[in-house]
Amino acid sequence: MKRKSAHEPKAKVMSAADTWEDAQGVAQVMQGNLLRAEPTVGLRIPLSVFLSALDELSREELVILRQRVTARLAT
C-alpha cells in the first residue's frame, strides 16, 4: 500500500474520521443553503432574476408576454 502525504509537506494529513466529520459539516452547510435558496421557475433560474428581467421589458413586450402566458395557461 502506498503511503499518502499532504500537498504541503508541513501540513498534517487528515484521518478518515476527521475527513468524515469534515464532509458531514460541508453536507450540513449545503443542506442549509438549499433550504434558504430562492424559489426557481421552470428555467431553473432564481425568481429574482426572472422578475428583474420582466422589469426591463417595455409595455409592448409585456403585452406579448401576457398573450403567450395566457395561451399557455389555456392549454
PDB file of N, CA and C in Angstrom:
ATOM      1  N   MET A   1       0.835  -1.170   0.000  1.00  0.00           N
ATOM      2  CA  MET A   1       0.000   0.000   0.000  1.00  0.00           C
ATOM      3  C   MET A   1       0.883   1.237   0.000  1.00  0.00           C
ATOM      4  N   LYS A   2       0.566   2.216  -0.867  1.00  0.00           N
ATOM      5  CA  LYS A   2       1.344   3.440  -0.930  1.00  0.00           C
ATOM      6  C   LYS A   2       1.005   4.354   0.245  1.00  0.00           C
ATOM      7  N   ARG A   3       1.997   5.012   0.754  1.00  0.00           N
ATOM      8  CA  ARG A   3       1.778   5.977   1.822  1.00  0.00           C
ATOM      9  C   ARG A   3       1.454   7.326   1.184  1.00  0.00           C
ATOM     10  N   LYS A   4       0.382   7.958   1.641  1.00  0.00           N
ATOM     11  CA  LYS A   4      -0.046   9.251   1.119  1.00  0.00           C
ATOM     12  C   LYS A   4       0.541  10.369   1.956  1.00  0.00           C
ATOM     13  N   SER A   5       0.677  11.534   1.342  1.00  0.00           N
ATOM     14  CA  SER A   5       1.160  12.692   2.080  1.00  0.00           C
ATOM     15  C   SER A   5       0.346  13.911   1.672  1.00  0.00           C
ATOM     16  N   ALA A   6       0.424  14.945   2.475  1.00  0.00           N
ATOM     17  CA  ALA A   6      -0.289  16.190   2.180  1.00  0.00           C
ATOM     18  C   ALA A   6       0.392  16.906   1.021  1.00  0.00           C
ATOM     19  N   HIS A   7      -0.353  17.763   0.357  1.00  0.00           N
ATOM     20  CA  HIS A   7       0.222  18.552  -0.736  1.00  0.00           C
ATOM     21  C   HIS A   7       1.297  19.497  -0.219  1.00  0.00           C
ATOM     22  N   GLU A   8       1.087  19.971   1.001  1.00  0.00           N
ATOM     23  CA  GLU A   8       2.087  20.829   1.633  1.00  0.00           C
ATOM     24  C   GLU A   8       2.848  19.973   2.640  1.00  0.00           C
ATOM     25  N   PRO A   9       4.156  19.865   2.507  1.00  0.00           N
ATOM     26  CA  PRO A   9       4.938  18.953   3.339  1.00  0.00           C
ATOM     27  C   PRO A   9       4.739  19.130   4.843  1.00  0.00           C
ATOM     28  N   LYS A  10       4.503  20.339   5.315  1.00  0.00           N
ATOM     29  CA  LYS A  10       4.366  20.566   6.755  1.00  0.00           C
ATOM     30  C   LYS A  10       2.924  20.409   7.242  1.00  0.00           C
ATOM     31  N   ALA A  11       1.989  20.209   6.315  1.00  0.00           N
ATOM     32  CA  ALA A  11       0.584  20.065   6.696  1.00  0.00           C
ATOM     33  C   ALA A  11       0.327  18.660   7.233  1.00  0.00           C
ATOM     34  N   LYS A  12      -0.619  18.574   8.165  1.00  0.00           N
ATOM     35  CA  LYS A  12      -0.997  17.270   8.707  1.00  0.00           C
ATOM     36  C   LYS A  12      -1.988  16.597   7.757  1.00  0.00           C
ATOM     37  N   VAL A  13      -1.872  15.297   7.599  1.00  0.00           N
ATOM     38  CA  VAL A  13      -2.808  14.521   6.792  1.00  0.00           C
ATOM     39  C   VAL A  13      -4.001  14.202   7.678  1.00  0.00           C
ATOM     40  N   MET A  14      -5.215  14.433   7.163  1.00  0.00           N
ATOM     41  CA  MET A  14      -6.421  14.179   7.945  1.00  0.00           C
ATOM     42  C   MET A  14      -6.664  12.682   8.068  1.00  0.00           C
ATOM     43  N   SER A  15      -7.148  12.290   9.220  1.00  0.00           N
ATOM     44  CA  SER A  15      -7.522  10.891   9.414  1.00  0.00           C
ATOM     45  C   SER A  15      -8.857  10.641   8.728  1.00  0.00           C
ATOM     46  N   ALA A  16      -9.219   9.379   8.600  1.00  0.00           N
ATOM     47  CA  ALA A  16     -10.502   9.034   7.987  1.00  0.00           C
ATOM     48  C   ALA A  16     -11.651   9.620   8.797  1.00  0.00           C
ATOM     49  N   ALA A  17     -11.554   9.577  10.117  1.00  0.00           N
ATOM     50  CA  ALA A  17     -12.608  10.126  10.975  1.00  0.00           C
ATOM     51  C   ALA A  17     -12.717  11.646  10.799  1.00  0.00           C
ATOM     52  N   ASP A  18     -11.576  12.325  10.724  1.00  0.00           N
ATOM     53  CA  ASP A  18     -11.595  13.774  10.510  1.00  0.00           C
ATOM     54  C   ASP A  18     -12.201  14.112   9.147  1.00  0.00           C
ATOM     55  N   THR A  19     -11.855  13.342   8.146  1.00  0.00           N
ATOM     56  CA  THR A  19     -12.385  13.559   6.808  1.00  0.00           C
ATOM     57  C   THR A  19     -13.897  13.380   6.803  1.00  0.00           C
ATOM     58  N   TRP A  20     -14.371  12.335   7.491  1.00  0.00           N
ATOM     59  CA  TRP A  20     -15.808  12.074   7.571  1.00  0.00           C
ATOM     60  C   TRP A  20     -16.530  13.232   8.273  1.00  0.00           C
ATOM     61  N   GLU A  21     -15.984  13.693   9.380  1.00  0.00           N
ATOM     62  CA  GLU A  21     -16.594  14.813  10.105  1.00  0.00           C
ATOM     63  C   GLU A  21     -16.613  16.070   9.237  1.00  0.00           C
ATOM     64  N   ASP A  22     -15.542  16.316   8.525  1.00  0.00           N
ATOM     65  CA  ASP A  22     -15.459  17.470   7.640  1.00  0.00           C
ATOM     66  C   ASP A  22     -16.513  17.380   6.538  1.00  0.00           C
ATOM     67  N   ALA A  23     -16.665  16.212   5.963  1.00  0.00           N
ATOM     68  CA  ALA A  23     -17.657  16.007   4.899  1.00  0.00           C
ATOM     69  C   ALA A  23     -19.074  16.202   5.443  1.00  0.00           C
ATOM     70  N   GLN A  24     -19.328  15.742   6.656  1.00  0.00           N
ATOM     71  CA  GLN A  24     -20.650  15.926   7.264  1.00  0.00           C
ATOM     72  C   GLN A  24     -20.943  17.408   7.487  1.00  0.00           C
ATOM     73  N   GLY A  25     -19.931  18.152   7.897  1.00  0.00           N
ATOM     74  CA  GLY A  25     -20.092  19.594   8.084  1.00  0.00           C
ATOM     75  C   GLY A  25     -20.411  20.299   6.781  1.00  0.00           C
ATOM     76  N   VAL A  26     -19.713  19.922   5.723  1.00  0.00           N
ATOM     77  CA  VAL A  26     -19.970  20.506   4.402  1.00  0.00           C
ATOM     78  C   VAL A  26     -21.392  20.159   3.952  1.00  0.00           C
ATOM     79  N   ALA A  27     -21.819  18.928   4.168  1.00  0.00           N
ATOM     80  CA  ALA A  27     -23.165  18.500   3.777  1.00  0.00           C
ATOM     81  C   ALA A  27     -24.222  19.301   4.531  1.00  0.00           C
ATOM     82  N   GLN A  28     -23.990  19.579   5.812  1.00  0.00           N
ATOM     83  CA  GLN A  28     -24.948  20.370   6.590  1.00  0.00           C
ATOM     84  C   GLN A  28     -25.039  21.796   6.068  1.00  0.00           C
ATOM     85  N   VAL A  29     -23.904  22.379   5.729  1.00  0.00           N
ATOM     86  CA  VAL A  29     -23.905  23.735   5.180  1.00  0.00           C
ATOM     87  C   VAL A  29     -24.658  23.764   3.853  1.00  0.00           C
ATOM     88  N   MET A  30     -24.405  22.780   3.002  1.00  0.00           N
ATOM     89  CA  MET A  30     -25.076  22.733   1.701  1.00  0.00           C
ATOM     90  C   MET A  30     -26.581  22.534   1.867  1.00  0.00           C
ATOM     91  N   GLN A  31     -26.983  21.700   2.809  1.00  0.00           N
ATOM     92  CA  GLN A  31     -28.414  21.469   3.066  1.00  0.00           C
ATOM     93  C   GLN A  31     -29.066  22.760   3.555  1.00  0.00           C
ATOM     94  N   GLY A  32     -28.386  23.476   4.439  1.00  0.00           N
ATOM     95  CA  GLY A  32     -28.911  24.750   4.922  1.00  0.00           C
ATOM     96  C   GLY A  32     -29.055  25.763   3.810  1.00  0.00           C
ATOM     97  N   ASN A  33     -28.076  25.817   2.909  1.00  0.00           N
ATOM     98  CA  ASN A  33     -28.147  26.735   1.772  1.00  0.00           C
ATOM     99  C   ASN A  33     -29.300  26.371   0.857  1.00  0.00           C
ATOM    100  N   LEU A  34     -29.533  25.088   0.679  1.00  0.00           N
ATOM    101  CA  LEU A  34     -30.614  24.634  -0.181  1.00  0.00           C
ATOM    102  C   LEU A  34     -31.961  25.065   0.380  1.00  0.00           C
ATOM    103  N   LEU A  35     -32.120  24.990   1.696  1.00  0.00           N
ATOM    104  CA  LEU A  35     -33.377  25.361   2.325  1.00  0.00           C
ATOM    105  C   LEU A  35     -33.631  26.865   2.234  1.00  0.00           C
ATOM    106  N   ARG A  36     -32.566  27.658   2.163  1.00  0.00           N
ATOM    107  CA  ARG A  36     -32.709  29.106   2.092  1.00  0.00           C
ATOM    108  C   ARG A  36     -32.687  29.628   0.660  1.00  0.00           C
ATOM    109  N   ALA A  37     -32.572  28.756  -0.300  1.00  0.00           N
ATOM    110  CA  ALA A  37     -32.455  29.165  -1.703  1.00  0.00           C
ATOM    111  C   ALA A  37     -33.747  29.826  -2.180  1.00  0.00           C
ATOM    112  N   GLU A  38     -33.608  30.667  -3.182  1.00  0.00           N
ATOM    113  CA  GLU A  38     -34.764  31.332  -3.775  1.00  0.00           C
ATOM    114  C   GLU A  38     -35.610  30.321  -4.538  1.00  0.00           C
ATOM    115  N   PRO A  39     -36.923  30.596  -4.635  1.00  0.00           N
ATOM    116  CA  PRO A  39     -37.745  29.738  -5.491  1.00  0.00           C
ATOM    117  C   PRO A  39     -37.252  29.850  -6.935  1.00  0.00           C
ATOM    118  N   THR A  40     -37.412  28.793  -7.700  1.00  0.00           N
ATOM    119  CA  THR A  40     -36.980  28.821  -9.102  1.00  0.00           C
ATOM    120  C   THR A  40     -38.180  28.662 -10.016  1.00  0.00           C
ATOM    121  N   VAL A  41     -38.027  29.113 -11.232  1.00  0.00           N
ATOM    122  CA  VAL A  41     -39.046  28.896 -12.262  1.00  0.00           C
ATOM    123  C   VAL A  41     -38.550  27.774 -13.154  1.00  0.00           C
ATOM    124  N   GLY A  42     -39.371  27.363 -14.113  1.00  0.00           N
ATOM    125  CA  GLY A  42     -39.018  26.241 -14.979  1.00  0.00           C
ATOM    126  C   GLY A  42     -37.684  26.399 -15.683  1.00  0.00           C
ATOM    127  N   LEU A  43     -37.222  27.617 -15.828  1.00  0.00           N
ATOM    128  CA  LEU A  43     -35.934  27.837 -16.469  1.00  0.00           C
ATOM    129  C   LEU A  43     -34.782  27.499 -15.535  1.00  0.00           C
ATOM    130  N   ARG A  44     -35.097  27.204 -14.317  1.00  0.00           N
ATOM    131  CA  ARG A  44     -34.112  26.903 -13.274  1.00  0.00           C
ATOM    132  C   ARG A  44     -33.186  28.087 -13.033  1.00  0.00           C
ATOM    133  N   ILE A  45     -33.814  29.259 -12.973  1.00  0.00           N
ATOM    134  CA  ILE A  45     -33.093  30.468 -12.604  1.00  0.00           C
ATOM    135  C   ILE A  45     -33.765  31.023 -11.355  1.00  0.00           C
ATOM    136  N   PRO A  46     -33.046  31.773 -10.550  1.00  0.00           N
ATOM    137  CA  PRO A  46     -33.698  32.362  -9.376  1.00  0.00           C
ATOM    138  C   PRO A  46     -34.862  33.267  -9.796  1.00  0.00           C
ATOM    139  N   LEU A  47     -35.928  33.226  -9.035  1.00  0.00           N
ATOM    140  CA  LEU A  47     -37.103  34.022  -9.344  1.00  0.00           C
ATOM    141  C   LEU A  47     -36.759  35.499  -9.426  1.00  0.00           C
ATOM    142  N   SER A  48     -35.835  35.968  -8.599  1.00  0.00           N
ATOM    143  CA  SER A  48     -35.458  37.380  -8.615  1.00  0.00           C
ATOM    144  C   SER A  48     -34.853  37.777  -9.968  1.00  0.00           C
ATOM    145  N   VAL A  49     -34.127  36.875 -10.607  1.00  0.00           N
ATOM    146  CA  VAL A  49     -33.546  37.155 -11.921  1.00  0.00           C
ATOM    147  C   VAL A  49     -34.662  37.289 -12.954  1.00  0.00           C
ATOM    148  N   PHE A  50     -35.631  36.399 -12.890  1.00  0.00           N
ATOM    149  CA  PHE A  50     -36.760  36.441 -13.806  1.00  0.00           C
ATOM    150  C   PHE A  50     -37.543  37.742 -13.631  1.00  0.00           C
ATOM    151  N   LEU A  51     -37.828  38.100 -12.369  1.00  0.00           N
ATOM    152  CA  LEU A  51     -38.575  39.330 -12.102  1.00  0.00           C
ATOM    153  C   LEU A  51     -37.790  40.558 -12.541  1.00  0.00           C
ATOM    154  N   SER A  52     -36.497  40.536 -12.353  1.00  0.00           N
ATOM    155  CA  SER A  52     -35.659  41.645 -12.786  1.00  0.00           C
ATOM    156  C   SER A  52     -35.709  41.782 -14.307  1.00  0.00           C
ATOM    157  N   ALA A  53     -35.706  40.665 -15.007  1.00  0.00           N
ATOM    158  CA  ALA A  53     -35.802  40.696 -16.471  1.00  0.00           C
ATOM    159  C   ALA A  53     -37.154  41.265 -16.900  1.00  0.00           C
ATOM    160  N   LEU A  54     -38.212  40.908 -16.180  1.00  0.00           N
ATOM    161  CA  LEU A  54     -39.531  41.456 -16.503  1.00  0.00           C
ATOM    162  C   LEU A  54     -39.554  42.970 -16.348  1.00  0.00           C
ATOM    163  N   ASP A  55     -38.862  43.462 -15.335  1.00  0.00           N
ATOM    164  CA  ASP A  55     -38.806  44.910 -15.102  1.00  0.00           C
ATOM    165  C   ASP A  55     -38.162  45.656 -16.257  1.00  0.00           C
ATOM    166  N   GLU A  56     -37.344  44.983 -17.030  1.00  0.00           N
ATOM    167  CA  GLU A  56     -36.645  45.620 -18.139  1.00  0.00           C
ATOM    168  C   GLU A  56     -37.457  45.612 -19.440  1.00  0.00           C
ATOM    169  N   LEU A  57     -38.560  44.857 -19.472  1.00  0.00           N
ATOM    170  CA  LEU A  57     -39.358  44.765 -20.687  1.00  0.00           C
ATOM    171  C   LEU A  57     -40.216  46.018 -20.869  1.00  0.00           C
ATOM    172  N   SER A  58     -40.400  46.382 -22.127  1.00  0.00           N
ATOM    173  CA  SER A  58     -41.282  47.518 -22.451  1.00  0.00           C
ATOM    174  C   SER A  58     -42.737  47.071 -22.311  1.00  0.00           C
ATOM    175  N   ARG A  59     -43.641  48.036 -22.374  1.00  0.00           N
ATOM    176  CA  ARG A  59     -45.064  47.712 -22.280  1.00  0.00           C
ATOM    177  C   ARG A  59     -45.465  46.764 -23.412  1.00  0.00           C
ATOM    178  N   GLU A  60     -44.999  47.027 -24.608  1.00  0.00           N
ATOM    179  CA  GLU A  60     -45.338  46.182 -25.759  1.00  0.00           C
ATOM    180  C   GLU A  60     -44.822  44.753 -25.554  1.00  0.00           C
ATOM    181  N   GLU A  61     -43.623  44.643 -25.043  1.00  0.00           N
ATOM    182  CA  GLU A  61     -43.053  43.311 -24.785  1.00  0.00           C
ATOM    183  C   GLU A  61     -43.840  42.586 -23.695  1.00  0.00           C
ATOM    184  N   LEU A  62     -44.288  43.331 -22.695  1.00  0.00           N
ATOM    185  CA  LEU A  62     -45.099  42.724 -21.636  1.00  0.00           C
ATOM    186  C   LEU A  62     -46.442  42.239 -22.169  1.00  0.00           C
ATOM    187  N   VAL A  63     -47.034  42.980 -23.113  1.00  0.00           N
ATOM    188  CA  VAL A  63     -48.299  42.558 -23.718  1.00  0.00           C
ATOM    189  C   VAL A  63     -48.090  41.253 -24.481  1.00  0.00           C
ATOM    190  N   ILE A  64     -47.010  41.165 -25.233  1.00  0.00           N
ATOM    191  CA  ILE A  64     -46.693  39.932 -25.964  1.00  0.00           C
ATOM    192  C   ILE A  64     -46.498  38.774 -24.978  1.00  0.00           C
ATOM    193  N   LEU A  65     -45.786  39.038 -23.911  1.00  0.00           N
ATOM    194  CA  LEU A  65     -45.567  38.003 -22.894  1.00  0.00           C
ATOM    195  C   LEU A  65     -46.886  37.564 -22.278  1.00  0.00           C
ATOM    196  N   ARG A  66     -47.748  38.515 -21.963  1.00  0.00           N
ATOM    197  CA  ARG A  66     -49.051  38.176 -21.384  1.00  0.00           C
ATOM    198  C   ARG A  66     -49.844  37.290 -22.341  1.00  0.00           C
ATOM    199  N   GLN A  67     -49.819  37.618 -23.634  1.00  0.00           N
ATOM    200  CA  GLN A  67     -50.529  36.805 -24.617  1.00  0.00           C
ATOM    201  C   GLN A  67     -49.975  35.387 -24.652  1.00  0.00           C
ATOM    202  N   ARG A  68     -48.660  35.259 -24.597  1.00  0.00           N
ATOM    203  CA  ARG A  68     -48.027  33.931 -24.610  1.00  0.00           C
ATOM    204  C   ARG A  68     -48.394  33.133 -23.359  1.00  0.00           C
ATOM    205  N   VAL A  69     -48.370  33.812 -22.213  1.00  0.00           N
ATOM    206  CA  VAL A  69     -48.690  33.134 -20.946  1.00  0.00           C
ATOM    207  C   VAL A  69     -50.170  32.739 -20.935  1.00  0.00           C
ATOM    208  N   THR A  70     -51.037  33.636 -21.396  1.00  0.00           N
ATOM    209  CA  THR A  70     -52.477  33.329 -21.457  1.00  0.00           C
ATOM    210  C   THR A  70     -52.734  32.136 -22.358  1.00  0.00           C
ATOM    211  N   ALA A  71     -52.072  32.111 -23.517  1.00  0.00           N
ATOM    212  CA  ALA A  71     -52.232  30.979 -24.427  1.00  0.00           C
ATOM    213  C   ALA A  71     -51.736  29.687 -23.797  1.00  0.00           C
ATOM    214  N   ARG A  72     -50.643  29.770 -23.095  1.00  0.00           N
ATOM    215  CA  ARG A  72     -50.051  28.572 -22.446  1.00  0.00           C
ATOM    216  C   ARG A  72     -50.960  28.054 -21.346  1.00  0.00           C
ATOM    217  N   LEU A  73     -51.558  28.970 -20.570  1.00  0.00           N
ATOM    218  CA  LEU A  73     -52.456  28.565 -19.489  1.00  0.00           C
ATOM    219  C   LEU A  73     -53.765  27.985 -20.027  1.00  0.00           C
ATOM    220  N   ALA A  74     -54.132  28.364 -21.235  1.00  0.00           N
ATOM    221  CA  ALA A  74     -55.376  27.873 -21.833  1.00  0.00           C
ATOM    222  C   ALA A  74     -55.277  26.415 -22.261  1.00  0.00           C
ATOM    223  N   THR A  75     -54.067  25.910 -22.420  1.00  0.00           N
ATOM    224  CA  THR A  75     -53.914  24.524 -22.892  1.00  0.00           C
ATOM    225  C   THR A  75     -53.895  23.543 -21.754  1.00  0.00           C
TER     226      THR A  75
END
